[in-house]
Amino acid sequence: MKKFATLAVLAAAGATSYAQSSVTLFGVADVVLQSGRGSETNRTSVGSGGLASNRIGFRGVEDLGGGLAAGFWLEAGYNIDDGTGVSNTFNFNRRSTVSLMGSNWGEVRLGRDFTATYNNIYDAFGDNGVGALLKTTSLGSNYGYAMQTRTNNAVSYFTPKNLGGFFGQVQYYRGEAANGASDGNGYGLRGGYENGPLNLGVSYGSVSSLGAYGDVTHANVGGSYDFGVARLLVEAGQDRSKGRDENARYYMIGATAPVAGVGMVRASWSRVSVQDTNVQANKFAVGYVHNLSKRTALYTTFAYLKNKNGAALALNGAKTGLGDNSKGLDVGLRHSF
């Protein structure tokens, strides 16, 4: 009986230890048929991530006691149309971080992660597919470097979730350029308020010494309000090249509306422009997502892009001339696990 009791105690201790730690496998498989039309060439293809970016990852949390926890997150992107990793290699390029978290003081996170300015994007299309908002990077310049999606070598601090709806993030990262140069060094700040139907955020970021563009800064403000029948989203941002004394700006107004508990209509207008040059592009997008289950959805999005004054942006891989227009259509299937 003593041996049996000892084994029972050890088993219970092991079960308690296991309950305090968890590791989760997760991912998204999203395939999309893409059609792009332009004044010069058209393109039809099978692509990835029209509703959500394809990914596979592992995340885990260990309870250290006293309200303290440690966590890790390893997430890799891949192309479902041909099975390759992003940039033809498989690595944890979407996120690779380790964290120390406290329920009363927040989280310190280190590694490759979203930038603070990208975390402040409010987009009706979730920054995916042909309907995603136009950003300054769409113009093919380094303007958008300060609002890059992710950054390496980052140290971030996130405020706790018990501040009455207020939240904040402070981020610093190193470019780790040769000979100790400051190229690629940067930082980001984000703050906001989220409570009930209201969500507001503002952010600012800066990246050092980017060749002829000099230091590049980015600022944006955005928010959303859920009216129940529909959710309104707005976003505005600006990138500034100090070396060339030029600004590029973008704006977005969008909305999402649930349909009979099984679907969602999405729509937006977005604009990107370069100050003092009148180079400009406007995009109108509308789409529908139909949920077959909690994890599987069918979707479609149509977008129309209008170029002005020398802009030549095109949709879904098509090519269009200066000042000409472009159309794009996505039809896809997304499964999450």
C-alpha atoms as a PDB file:
ATOM      1  CA  MET A   1       0.000   0.000   0.000  1.00  0.00           C
ATOM      2  CA  LYS A   2       2.908   2.367   0.815  1.00  0.00           C
ATOM      3  CA  LYS A   3       4.417   1.746  -2.635  1.00  0.00           C
ATOM      4  CA  PHE A   4       1.042   2.331  -4.256  1.00  0.00           C
ATOM      5  CA  ALA A   5       0.569   5.579  -2.315  1.00  0.00           C
ATOM      6  CA  THR A   6       4.048   6.775  -3.314  1.00  0.00           C
ATOM      7  CA  LEU A   7       3.347   6.095  -6.986  1.00  0.00           C
ATOM      8  CA  ALA A   8       0.017   7.914  -6.726  1.00  0.00           C
ATOM      9  CA  VAL A   9       1.679  10.982  -5.208  1.00  0.00           C
ATOM     10  CA  LEU A  10       4.340  11.044  -7.928  1.00  0.00           C
ATOM     11  CA  ALA A  11       1.709  10.662 -10.638  1.00  0.00           C
ATOM     12  CA  ALA A  12      -0.322  13.493  -9.161  1.00  0.00           C
ATOM     13  CA  ALA A  13       2.768  15.717  -8.973  1.00  0.00           C
ATOM     14  CA  GLY A  14       3.581  14.939 -12.596  1.00  0.00           C
ATOM     15  CA  ALA A  15       0.022  15.734 -13.668  1.00  0.00           C
ATOM     16  CA  THR A  16       0.160  19.057 -11.802  1.00  0.00           C
ATOM     17  CA  SER A  17       3.442  19.965 -13.483  1.00  0.00           C
ATOM     18  CA  TYR A  18       2.013  19.085 -16.895  1.00  0.00           C
ATOM     19  CA  ALA A  19      -1.125  21.150 -16.229  1.00  0.00           C
ATOM     20  CA  GLN A  20       1.028  24.188 -15.547  1.00  0.00           C
ATOM     21  CA  SER A  21       2.687  23.977 -18.973  1.00  0.00           C
ATOM     22  CA  SER A  22       1.207  23.739 -22.451  1.00  0.00           C
ATOM     23  CA  VAL A  23       2.416  23.468 -26.034  1.00  0.00           C
ATOM     24  CA  THR A  24       0.047  24.055 -28.964  1.00  0.00           C
ATOM     25  CA  LEU A  25       0.407  23.229 -32.644  1.00  0.00           C
ATOM     26  CA  PHE A  26      -1.548  25.679 -34.818  1.00  0.00           C
ATOM     27  CA  GLY A  27      -1.768  26.880 -38.388  1.00  0.00           C
ATOM     28  CA  VAL A  28      -3.684  28.154 -41.389  1.00  0.00           C
ATOM     29  CA  ALA A  29      -4.141  26.577 -44.826  1.00  0.00           C
ATOM     30  CA  ASP A  30      -5.531  29.157 -47.271  1.00  0.00           C
ATOM     31  CA  VAL A  31      -5.614  28.675 -51.047  1.00  0.00           C
ATOM     32  CA  VAL A  32      -6.946  31.321 -53.426  1.00  0.00           C
ATOM     33  CA  LEU A  33      -7.677  31.586 -57.149  1.00  0.00           C
ATOM     34  CA  GLN A  34      -6.454  35.031 -58.198  1.00  0.00           C
ATOM     35  CA  SER A  35      -7.320  37.044 -61.281  1.00  0.00           C
ATOM     36  CA  GLY A  36      -5.706  40.366 -62.142  1.00  0.00           C
ATOM     37  CA  ARG A  37      -6.547  42.679 -65.036  1.00  0.00           C
ATOM     38  CA  GLY A  38      -4.430  45.595 -66.252  1.00  0.00           C
ATOM     39  CA  SER A  39      -4.019  47.763 -69.322  1.00  0.00           C
ATOM     40  CA  GLU A  40      -0.821  45.949 -70.372  1.00  0.00           C
ATOM     41  CA  THR A  41      -1.029  42.360 -69.120  1.00  0.00           C
ATOM     42  CA  ASN A  42      -3.480  40.159 -67.232  1.00  0.00           C
ATOM     43  CA  ARG A  43      -2.702  37.301 -64.876  1.00  0.00           C
ATOM     44  CA  THR A  44      -4.593  34.323 -63.468  1.00  0.00           C
ATOM     45  CA  SER A  45      -2.945  32.144 -60.835  1.00  0.00           C
ATOM     46  CA  VAL A  46      -3.348  29.960 -57.775  1.00  0.00           C
ATOM     47  CA  GLY A  47      -1.984  31.721 -54.705  1.00  0.00           C
ATOM     48  CA  SER A  48      -1.792  31.673 -50.938  1.00  0.00           C
ATOM     49  CA  GLY A  49      -3.385  33.619 -48.161  1.00  0.00           C
ATOM     50  CA  GLY A  50      -6.293  35.537 -49.647  1.00  0.00           C
ATOM     51  CA  LEU A  51      -8.121  35.609 -46.299  1.00  0.00           C
ATOM     52  CA  ALA A  52      -5.385  34.715 -43.805  1.00  0.00           C
ATOM     53  CA  SER A  53      -1.649  34.190 -44.250  1.00  0.00           C
ATOM     54  CA  ASN A  54      -0.570  30.549 -44.437  1.00  0.00           C
ATOM     55  CA  ARG A  55       1.377  29.472 -41.402  1.00  0.00           C
ATOM     56  CA  ILE A  56       2.297  26.611 -39.128  1.00  0.00           C
ATOM     57  CA  GLY A  57       3.590  27.149 -35.644  1.00  0.00           C
ATOM     58  CA  PHE A  58       4.206  26.063 -32.098  1.00  0.00           C
ATOM     59  CA  ARG A  59       3.515  28.115 -28.998  1.00  0.00           C
ATOM     60  CA  GLY A  60       3.788  27.298 -25.351  1.00  0.00           C
ATOM     61  CA  VAL A  61       3.429  28.733 -21.869  1.00  0.00           C
ATOM     62  CA  GLU A  62       4.892  27.597 -18.563  1.00  0.00           C
ATOM     63  CA  ASP A  63       3.364  28.786 -15.301  1.00  0.00           C
ATOM     64  CA  LEU A  64       6.246  29.793 -13.029  1.00  0.00           C
ATOM     65  CA  GLY A  65       4.001  30.614 -10.079  1.00  0.00           C
ATOM     66  CA  GLY A  66       3.246  33.880  -8.353  1.00  0.00           C
ATOM     67  CA  GLY A  67       1.559  35.306 -11.440  1.00  0.00           C
ATOM     68  CA  LEU A  68       4.730  34.827 -13.531  1.00  0.00           C
ATOM     69  CA  ALA A  69       4.897  32.805 -16.752  1.00  0.00           C
ATOM     70  CA  ALA A  70       7.374  32.092 -19.537  1.00  0.00           C
ATOM     71  CA  GLY A  71       6.361  31.561 -23.139  1.00  0.00           C
ATOM     72  CA  PHE A  72       7.670  30.904 -26.626  1.00  0.00           C
ATOM     73  CA  TRP A  73       6.222  31.326 -30.130  1.00  0.00           C
ATOM     74  CA  LEU A  74       7.687  29.816 -33.313  1.00  0.00           C
ATOM     75  CA  GLU A  75       5.692  30.493 -36.485  1.00  0.00           C
ATOM     76  CA  ALA A  76       6.658  29.743 -40.089  1.00  0.00           C
ATOM     77  CA  GLY A  77       5.047  30.967 -43.284  1.00  0.00           C
ATOM     78  CA  TYR A  78       4.571  28.791 -46.363  1.00  0.00           C
ATOM     79  CA  ASN A  79       3.003  28.858 -49.828  1.00  0.00           C
ATOM     80  CA  ILE A  80       0.177  26.373 -50.129  1.00  0.00           C
ATOM     81  CA  ASP A  81       0.037  26.593 -53.937  1.00  0.00           C
ATOM     82  CA  ASP A  82       3.448  24.955 -54.364  1.00  0.00           C
ATOM     83  CA  GLY A  83       4.350  23.717 -50.888  1.00  0.00           C
ATOM     84  CA  THR A  84       7.425  25.893 -50.512  1.00  0.00           C
ATOM     85  CA  GLY A  85       8.379  28.049 -47.598  1.00  0.00           C
ATOM     86  CA  VAL A  86       8.232  31.813 -47.962  1.00  0.00           C
ATOM     87  CA  SER A  87      11.253  32.936 -50.032  1.00  0.00           C
ATOM     88  CA  ASN A  88      11.697  29.255 -50.998  1.00  0.00           C
ATOM     89  CA  THR A  89      12.934  28.222 -47.592  1.00  0.00           C
ATOM     90  CA  PHE A  90      11.221  26.972 -44.453  1.00  0.00           C
ATOM     91  CA  ASN A  91      12.059  28.902 -41.331  1.00  0.00           C
ATOM     92  CA  PHE A  92      10.275  30.663 -38.498  1.00  0.00           C
ATOM     93  CA  ASN A  93      10.196  33.927 -40.402  1.00  0.00           C
ATOM     94  CA  ARG A  94       6.744  35.037 -39.256  1.00  0.00           C
ATOM     95  CA  ARG A  95       7.563  35.043 -35.559  1.00  0.00           C
ATOM     96  CA  SER A  96      10.214  33.579 -33.298  1.00  0.00           C
ATOM     97  CA  THR A  97      10.037  34.964 -29.772  1.00  0.00           C
ATOM     98  CA  VAL A  98      10.477  34.083 -26.130  1.00  0.00           C
ATOM     99  CA  SER A  99       8.620  35.981 -23.416  1.00  0.00           C
ATOM    100  CA  LEU A 100       8.450  36.588 -19.694  1.00  0.00           C
ATOM    101  CA  MET A 101       4.951  37.578 -18.587  1.00  0.00           C
ATOM    102  CA  GLY A 102       3.474  38.884 -15.356  1.00  0.00           C
ATOM    103  CA  SER A 103      -0.220  39.311 -14.737  1.00  0.00           C
ATOM    104  CA  ASN A 104       0.355  42.648 -13.001  1.00  0.00           C
ATOM    105  CA  TRP A 105       3.280  44.140 -14.916  1.00  0.00           C
ATOM    106  CA  GLY A 106       2.909  42.976 -18.538  1.00  0.00           C
ATOM    107  CA  GLU A 107       5.184  41.147 -20.955  1.00  0.00           C
ATOM    108  CA  VAL A 108       8.783  41.413 -22.116  1.00  0.00           C
ATOM    109  CA  ARG A 109       9.206  39.760 -25.530  1.00  0.00           C
ATOM    110  CA  LEU A 110      12.440  39.151 -27.468  1.00  0.00           C
ATOM    111  CA  GLY A 111      13.088  37.962 -31.028  1.00  0.00           C
ATOM    112  CA  ARG A 112      11.525  38.423 -34.457  1.00  0.00           C
ATOM    113  CA  ASP A 113       8.053  39.924 -34.251  1.00  0.00           C
ATOM    114  CA  PHE A 114       5.549  42.394 -35.700  1.00  0.00           C
ATOM    115  CA  THR A 115       6.655  46.015 -35.456  1.00  0.00           C
ATOM    116  CA  ALA A 116       4.747  48.319 -33.127  1.00  0.00           C
ATOM    117  CA  THR A 117       3.536  50.413 -36.074  1.00  0.00           C
ATOM    118  CA  TYR A 118       2.228  47.375 -37.950  1.00  0.00           C
ATOM    119  CA  ASN A 119       0.336  46.290 -34.832  1.00  0.00           C
ATOM    120  CA  ASN A 120      -1.634  49.518 -35.202  1.00  0.00           C
ATOM    121  CA  ILE A 121      -3.172  48.693 -38.607  1.00  0.00           C
ATOM    122  CA  TYR A 122      -6.981  48.608 -38.642  1.00  0.00           C
ATOM    123  CA  ASP A 123      -7.945  47.007 -41.961  1.00  0.00           C
ATOM    124  CA  ALA A 124     -11.341  45.613 -42.945  1.00  0.00           C
ATOM    125  CA  PHE A 125      -9.543  42.901 -44.951  1.00  0.00           C
ATOM    126  CA  GLY A 126      -6.968  42.049 -42.290  1.00  0.00           C
ATOM    127  CA  ASP A 127      -4.123  43.153 -44.591  1.00  0.00           C
ATOM    128  CA  ASN A 128      -4.646  40.038 -46.731  1.00  0.00           C
ATOM    129  CA  GLY A 129      -5.673  39.437 -50.317  1.00  0.00           C
ATOM    130  CA  VAL A 130      -6.615  41.776 -53.121  1.00  0.00           C
ATOM    131  CA  GLY A 131      -8.705  43.941 -50.775  1.00  0.00           C
ATOM    132  CA  ALA A 132      -5.951  44.833 -48.298  1.00  0.00           C
ATOM    133  CA  LEU A 133      -5.417  48.560 -47.766  1.00  0.00           C
ATOM    134  CA  LEU A 134      -2.892  50.394 -49.913  1.00  0.00           C
ATOM    135  CA  LYS A 135       0.255  51.275 -47.930  1.00  0.00           C
ATOM    136  CA  THR A 136       3.240  53.420 -48.777  1.00  0.00           C
ATOM    137  CA  THR A 137       5.257  50.302 -49.622  1.00  0.00           C
ATOM    138  CA  SER A 138       2.832  49.825 -52.541  1.00  0.00           C
ATOM    139  CA  LEU A 139       4.592  52.721 -54.286  1.00  0.00           C
ATOM    140  CA  GLY A 140       7.778  50.676 -54.601  1.00  0.00           C
ATOM    141  CA  SER A 141       9.970  52.994 -52.521  1.00  0.00           C
ATOM    142  CA  ASN A 142      11.658  52.800 -49.135  1.00  0.00           C
ATOM    143  CA  TYR A 143       9.039  55.065 -47.619  1.00  0.00           C
ATOM    144  CA  GLY A 144       7.302  52.136 -45.987  1.00  0.00           C
ATOM    145  CA  TYR A 145      10.442  50.732 -44.387  1.00  0.00           C
ATOM    146  CA  ALA A 146       9.553  52.301 -41.035  1.00  0.00           C
ATOM    147  CA  MET A 147       6.222  50.497 -41.130  1.00  0.00           C
ATOM    148  CA  GLN A 148       7.704  47.172 -42.141  1.00  0.00           C
ATOM    149  CA  THR A 149       5.579  44.213 -41.134  1.00  0.00           C
ATOM    150  CA  ARG A 150       8.174  42.489 -38.949  1.00  0.00           C
ATOM    151  CA  THR A 151      11.608  43.148 -37.578  1.00  0.00           C
ATOM    152  CA  ASN A 152      14.489  41.025 -36.301  1.00  0.00           C
ATOM    153  CA  ASN A 153      16.403  41.438 -33.059  1.00  0.00           C
ATOM    154  CA  ALA A 154      13.536  43.147 -31.249  1.00  0.00           C
ATOM    155  CA  VAL A 155      12.992  43.768 -27.550  1.00  0.00           C
ATOM    156  CA  SER A 156       9.400  44.734 -26.781  1.00  0.00           C
ATOM    157  CA  TYR A 157       7.421  45.571 -23.675  1.00  0.00           C
ATOM    158  CA  PHE A 158       3.618  45.244 -23.570  1.00  0.00           C
ATOM    159  CA  THR A 159       1.537  46.695 -20.756  1.00  0.00           C
ATOM    160  CA  PRO A 160      -0.722  44.388 -18.695  1.00  0.00           C
ATOM    161  CA  LYS A 161      -4.407  43.930 -19.494  1.00  0.00           C
ATOM    162  CA  ASN A 162      -5.682  45.383 -16.228  1.00  0.00           C
ATOM    163  CA  LEU A 163      -5.332  49.093 -17.034  1.00  0.00           C
ATOM    164  CA  GLY A 164      -9.007  49.833 -17.560  1.00  0.00           C
ATOM    165  CA  GLY A 165      -8.863  49.368 -21.329  1.00  0.00           C
ATOM    166  CA  PHE A 166      -5.637  51.306 -21.949  1.00  0.00           C
ATOM    167  CA  PHE A 167      -2.721  49.492 -23.603  1.00  0.00           C
ATOM    168  CA  GLY A 168       0.788  50.266 -24.764  1.00  0.00           C
ATOM    169  CA  GLN A 169       3.905  48.863 -26.426  1.00  0.00           C
ATOM    170  CA  VAL A 170       7.530  50.004 -26.498  1.00  0.00           C
ATOM    171  CA  GLN A 171       9.893  48.329 -28.978  1.00  0.00           C
ATOM    172  CA  TYR A 172      13.573  48.641 -29.870  1.00  0.00           C
ATOM    173  CA  TYR A 173      15.491  46.647 -32.464  1.00  0.00           C
ATOM    174  CA  ARG A 174      18.965  46.445 -33.946  1.00  0.00           C
ATOM    175  CA  GLY A 175      19.909  46.249 -37.608  1.00  0.00           C
ATOM    176  CA  GLU A 176      23.196  44.614 -36.622  1.00  0.00           C
ATOM    177  CA  ALA A 177      24.952  46.188 -39.606  1.00  0.00           C
ATOM    178  CA  ALA A 178      28.631  45.553 -40.287  1.00  0.00           C
ATOM    179  CA  ASN A 179      31.283  47.617 -38.489  1.00  0.00           C
ATOM    180  CA  GLY A 180      28.795  48.721 -35.852  1.00  0.00           C
ATOM    181  CA  ALA A 181      26.914  51.046 -38.230  1.00  0.00           C
ATOM    182  CA  SER A 182      23.443  52.162 -37.192  1.00  0.00           C
ATOM    183  CA  ASP A 183      21.720  51.137 -40.446  1.00  0.00           C
ATOM    184  CA  GLY A 184      18.510  49.332 -39.613  1.00  0.00           C
ATOM    185  CA  ASN A 185      18.408  50.307 -35.956  1.00  0.00           C
ATOM    186  CA  GLY A 186      14.932  51.410 -34.984  1.00  0.00           C
ATOM    187  CA  TYR A 187      12.236  51.763 -32.390  1.00  0.00           C
ATOM    188  CA  GLY A 188       8.456  51.892 -32.170  1.00  0.00           C
ATOM    189  CA  LEU A 189       5.825  53.145 -29.747  1.00  0.00           C
ATOM    190  CA  ARG A 190       2.136  52.284 -29.622  1.00  0.00           C
ATOM    191  CA  GLY A 191      -0.656  53.233 -27.275  1.00  0.00           C
ATOM    192  CA  GLY A 192      -4.411  53.061 -27.279  1.00  0.00           C
ATOM    193  CA  TYR A 193      -7.701  52.236 -25.640  1.00  0.00           C
ATOM    194  CA  GLU A 194      -9.952  49.210 -26.098  1.00  0.00           C
ATOM    195  CA  ASN A 195     -13.196  48.790 -24.216  1.00  0.00           C
ATOM    196  CA  GLY A 196     -16.419  47.217 -25.453  1.00  0.00           C
ATOM    197  CA  PRO A 197     -17.179  48.252 -29.041  1.00  0.00           C
ATOM    198  CA  LEU A 198     -14.454  50.935 -29.155  1.00  0.00           C
ATOM    199  CA  ASN A 199     -10.819  50.346 -30.140  1.00  0.00           C
ATOM    200  CA  LEU A 200      -8.396  53.230 -30.792  1.00  0.00           C
ATOM    201  CA  GLY A 201      -4.635  53.223 -31.369  1.00  0.00           C
ATOM    202  CA  VAL A 202      -1.766  55.502 -32.331  1.00  0.00           C
ATOM    203  CA  SER A 203       1.847  54.567 -33.135  1.00  0.00           C
ATOM    204  CA  TYR A 204       5.187  56.035 -34.156  1.00  0.00           C
ATOM    205  CA  GLY A 205       8.340  54.372 -35.458  1.00  0.00           C
ATOM    206  CA  SER A 206      11.764  55.339 -36.761  1.00  0.00           C
ATOM    207  CA  VAL A 207      14.515  53.483 -38.651  1.00  0.00           C
ATOM    208  CA  SER A 208      18.041  54.893 -38.968  1.00  0.00           C
ATOM    209  CA  SER A 209      20.274  55.613 -41.987  1.00  0.00           C
ATOM    210  CA  LEU A 210      18.636  54.128 -45.046  1.00  0.00           C
ATOM    211  CA  GLY A 211      20.956  55.389 -47.768  1.00  0.00           C
ATOM    212  CA  ALA A 212      19.701  58.372 -49.764  1.00  0.00           C
ATOM    213  CA  TYR A 213      16.417  58.308 -47.877  1.00  0.00           C
ATOM    214  CA  GLY A 214      18.162  59.037 -44.580  1.00  0.00           C
ATOM    215  CA  ASP A 215      16.248  58.245 -41.415  1.00  0.00           C
ATOM    216  CA  VAL A 216      12.680  57.165 -42.168  1.00  0.00           C
ATOM    217  CA  THR A 217       9.846  57.724 -39.712  1.00  0.00           C
ATOM    218  CA  HIS A 218       6.297  56.431 -39.669  1.00  0.00           C
ATOM    219  CA  ALA A 219       3.230  57.557 -37.734  1.00  0.00           C
ATOM    220  CA  ASN A 220      -0.285  56.205 -37.926  1.00  0.00           C
ATOM    221  CA  VAL A 221      -3.602  56.432 -36.140  1.00  0.00           C
ATOM    222  CA  GLY A 222      -6.541  54.081 -36.435  1.00  0.00           C
ATOM    223  CA  GLY A 223      -9.580  52.712 -34.754  1.00  0.00           C
ATOM    224  CA  SER A 224     -12.780  50.756 -34.972  1.00  0.00           C
ATOM    225  CA  TYR A 225     -16.257  50.869 -33.496  1.00  0.00           C
ATOM    226  CA  ASP A 226     -18.678  47.953 -33.450  1.00  0.00           C
ATOM    227  CA  PHE A 227     -22.291  49.114 -33.900  1.00  0.00           C
ATOM    228  CA  GLY A 228     -23.575  45.540 -33.743  1.00  0.00           C
ATOM    229  CA  VAL A 229     -25.010  45.519 -37.263  1.00  0.00           C
ATOM    230  CA  ALA A 230     -21.626  46.621 -38.638  1.00  0.00           C
ATOM    231  CA  ARG A 231     -18.107  47.484 -37.541  1.00  0.00           C
ATOM    232  CA  LEU A 232     -16.524  50.700 -38.827  1.00  0.00           C
ATOM    233  CA  LEU A 233     -12.727  50.907 -39.287  1.00  0.00           C
ATOM    234  CA  VAL A 234     -10.527  53.895 -40.131  1.00  0.00           C
ATOM    235  CA  GLU A 235      -6.762  54.237 -40.629  1.00  0.00           C
ATOM    236  CA  ALA A 236      -4.356  56.995 -41.655  1.00  0.00           C
ATOM    237  CA  GLY A 237      -0.568  57.013 -41.761  1.00  0.00           C
ATOM    238  CA  GLN A 238       2.479  58.849 -43.034  1.00  0.00           C
ATOM    239  CA  ASP A 239       6.066  57.862 -43.826  1.00  0.00           C
ATOM    240  CA  ARG A 240       8.664  60.616 -43.947  1.00  0.00           C
ATOM    241  CA  SER A 241      12.090  60.432 -45.577  1.00  0.00           C
ATOM    242  CA  LYS A 242      14.318  62.924 -43.771  1.00  0.00           C
ATOM    243  CA  GLY A 243      17.130  62.543 -46.300  1.00  0.00           C
ATOM    244  CA  ARG A 244      14.891  63.516 -49.237  1.00  0.00           C
ATOM    245  CA  ASP A 245      12.430  65.643 -47.260  1.00  0.00           C
ATOM    246  CA  GLU A 246       9.484  63.759 -48.768  1.00  0.00           C
ATOM    247  CA  ASN A 247       6.287  62.316 -47.330  1.00  0.00           C
ATOM    248  CA  ALA A 248       4.087  59.449 -48.450  1.00  0.00           C
ATOM    249  CA  ARG A 249       0.636  58.972 -46.957  1.00  0.00           C
ATOM    250  CA  TYR A 250      -2.174  56.441 -46.883  1.00  0.00           C
ATOM    251  CA  TYR A 251      -5.800  56.447 -45.746  1.00  0.00           C
ATOM    252  CA  MET A 252      -8.481  53.792 -45.310  1.00  0.00           C
ATOM    253  CA  ILE A 253     -12.175  53.703 -44.432  1.00  0.00           C
ATOM    254  CA  GLY A 254     -13.774  50.286 -44.170  1.00  0.00           C
ATOM    255  CA  ALA A 255     -16.565  48.257 -42.652  1.00  0.00           C
ATOM    256  CA  THR A 256     -17.466  44.667 -41.853  1.00  0.00           C
ATOM    257  CA  ALA A 257     -21.003  43.395 -41.289  1.00  0.00           C
ATOM    258  CA  PRO A 258     -22.123  39.951 -40.070  1.00  0.00           C
ATOM    259  CA  VAL A 259     -24.666  38.069 -42.178  1.00  0.00           C
ATOM    260  CA  ALA A 260     -27.127  35.657 -40.539  1.00  0.00           C
ATOM    261  CA  GLY A 261     -24.484  34.381 -38.136  1.00  0.00           C
ATOM    262  CA  VAL A 262     -22.625  32.438 -40.839  1.00  0.00           C
ATOM    263  CA  GLY A 263     -20.973  35.071 -42.976  1.00  0.00           C
ATOM    264  CA  MET A 264     -19.455  38.527 -43.183  1.00  0.00           C
ATOM    265  CA  VAL A 265     -19.524  41.278 -45.783  1.00  0.00           C
ATOM    266  CA  ARG A 266     -16.361  43.421 -46.003  1.00  0.00           C
ATOM    267  CA  ALA A 267     -15.777  46.680 -47.847  1.00  0.00           C
ATOM    268  CA  SER A 268     -13.167  49.434 -47.908  1.00  0.00           C
ATOM    269  CA  TRP A 269     -11.701  52.413 -49.726  1.00  0.00           C
ATOM    270  CA  SER A 270      -7.979  53.146 -49.406  1.00  0.00           C
ATOM    271  CA  ARG A 271      -5.606  55.712 -50.907  1.00  0.00           C
ATOM    272  CA  VAL A 272      -1.837  56.058 -51.101  1.00  0.00           C
ATOM    273  CA  SER A 273      -0.044  59.182 -52.348  1.00  0.00           C
ATOM    274  CA  VAL A 274       3.284  61.006 -52.418  1.00  0.00           C
ATOM    275  CA  GLN A 275       3.180  64.575 -51.157  1.00  0.00           C
ATOM    276  CA  ASP A 276       3.877  67.385 -53.681  1.00  0.00           C
ATOM    277  CA  THR A 277       4.037  64.988 -56.652  1.00  0.00           C
ATOM    278  CA  ASN A 278       0.311  64.178 -57.024  1.00  0.00           C
ATOM    279  CA  VAL A 279       1.232  60.508 -57.570  1.00  0.00           C
ATOM    280  CA  GLN A 280      -1.810  58.723 -56.193  1.00  0.00           C
ATOM    281  CA  ALA A 281      -3.749  55.464 -56.269  1.00  0.00           C
ATOM    282  CA  ASN A 282      -7.222  54.682 -54.907  1.00  0.00           C
ATOM    283  CA  LYS A 283      -8.656  51.223 -54.316  1.00  0.00           C
ATOM    284  CA  PHE A 284     -12.244  50.140 -53.729  1.00  0.00           C
ATOM    285  CA  ALA A 285     -12.822  46.605 -52.459  1.00  0.00           C
ATOM    286  CA  VAL A 286     -15.807  44.492 -51.457  1.00  0.00           C
ATOM    287  CA  GLY A 287     -15.907  40.885 -50.340  1.00  0.00           C
ATOM    288  CA  TYR A 288     -17.843  38.148 -48.590  1.00  0.00           C
ATOM    289  CA  VAL A 289     -16.727  35.394 -46.198  1.00  0.00           C
ATOM    290  CA  HIS A 290     -18.984  32.378 -45.639  1.00  0.00           C
ATOM    291  CA  ASN A 291     -18.165  30.209 -42.635  1.00  0.00           C
ATOM    292  CA  LEU A 292     -18.771  26.509 -43.256  1.00  0.00           C
ATOM    293  CA  SER A 293     -17.687  25.836 -39.668  1.00  0.00           C
ATOM    294  CA  LYS A 294     -15.692  27.546 -36.918  1.00  0.00           C
ATOM    295  CA  ARG A 295     -12.468  26.649 -38.741  1.00  0.00           C
ATOM    296  CA  THR A 296     -13.348  26.540 -42.444  1.00  0.00           C
ATOM    297  CA  ALA A 297     -14.541  29.369 -44.675  1.00  0.00           C
ATOM    298  CA  LEU A 298     -15.162  30.154 -48.331  1.00  0.00           C
ATOM    299  CA  TYR A 299     -14.494  33.725 -49.452  1.00  0.00           C
ATOM    300  CA  THR A 300     -14.389  36.073 -52.408  1.00  0.00           C
ATOM    301  CA  THR A 301     -13.117  39.644 -52.864  1.00  0.00           C
ATOM    302  CA  PHE A 302     -13.304  42.050 -55.786  1.00  0.00           C
ATOM    303  CA  ALA A 303     -11.142  45.187 -55.987  1.00  0.00           C
ATOM    304  CA  TYR A 304     -10.871  48.091 -58.411  1.00  0.00           C
ATOM    305  CA  LEU A 305      -7.753  50.274 -58.393  1.00  0.00           C
ATOM    306  CA  LYS A 306      -7.526  53.706 -60.014  1.00  0.00           C
ATOM    307  CA  ASN A 307      -4.093  55.256 -60.656  1.00  0.00           C
ATOM    308  CA  LYS A 308      -3.445  58.980 -61.078  1.00  0.00           C
ATOM    309  CA  ASN A 309      -0.535  61.199 -62.103  1.00  0.00           C
ATOM    310  CA  GLY A 310       2.084  58.590 -62.872  1.00  0.00           C
ATOM    311  CA  ALA A 311       1.091  55.820 -60.470  1.00  0.00           C
ATOM    312  CA  ALA A 312       1.067  52.361 -62.064  1.00  0.00           C
ATOM    313  CA  LEU A 313      -0.052  49.965 -59.341  1.00  0.00           C
ATOM    314  CA  ALA A 314      -1.792  46.750 -60.419  1.00  0.00           C
ATOM    315  CA  LEU A 315      -3.648  43.923 -58.684  1.00  0.00           C
ATOM    316  CA  ASN A 316      -2.921  40.193 -58.432  1.00  0.00           C
ATOM    317  CA  GLY A 317       0.207  40.250 -60.566  1.00  0.00           C
ATOM    318  CA  ALA A 318      -1.260  42.115 -63.545  1.00  0.00           C
ATOM    319  CA  LYS A 319       0.591  45.031 -65.146  1.00  0.00           C
ATOM    320  CA  THR A 320      -0.863  48.399 -66.018  1.00  0.00           C
ATOM    321  CA  GLY A 321       0.452  51.625 -67.552  1.00  0.00           C
ATOM    322  CA  LEU A 322       0.987  54.982 -65.884  1.00  0.00           C
ATOM    323  CA  GLY A 323      -2.328  56.423 -64.791  1.00  0.00           C
ATOM    324  CA  ASP A 324      -4.288  53.355 -65.959  1.00  0.00           C
ATOM    325  CA  ASN A 325      -6.592  51.212 -63.855  1.00  0.00           C
ATOM    326  CA  SER A 326      -6.577  47.615 -62.622  1.00  0.00           C
ATOM    327  CA  LYS A 327      -9.082  45.036 -61.376  1.00  0.00           C
ATOM    328  CA  GLY A 328      -8.593  42.007 -59.174  1.00  0.00           C
ATOM    329  CA  LEU A 329     -10.670  39.053 -57.986  1.00  0.00           C
ATOM    330  CA  ASP A 330      -9.981  36.474 -55.251  1.00  0.00           C
ATOM    331  CA  VAL A 331     -11.950  33.248 -54.679  1.00  0.00           C
ATOM    332  CA  GLY A 332     -10.592  31.025 -51.950  1.00  0.00           C
ATOM    333  CA  LEU A 333     -10.900  28.475 -49.173  1.00  0.00           C
ATOM    334  CA  ARG A 334      -9.353  28.868 -45.715  1.00  0.00           C
ATOM    335  CA  HIS A 335      -8.963  26.227 -43.015  1.00  0.00           C
ATOM    336  CA  SER A 336      -7.435  26.923 -39.620  1.00  0.00           C
ATOM    337  CA  PHE A 337      -6.255  24.391 -37.065  1.00  0.00           C
END
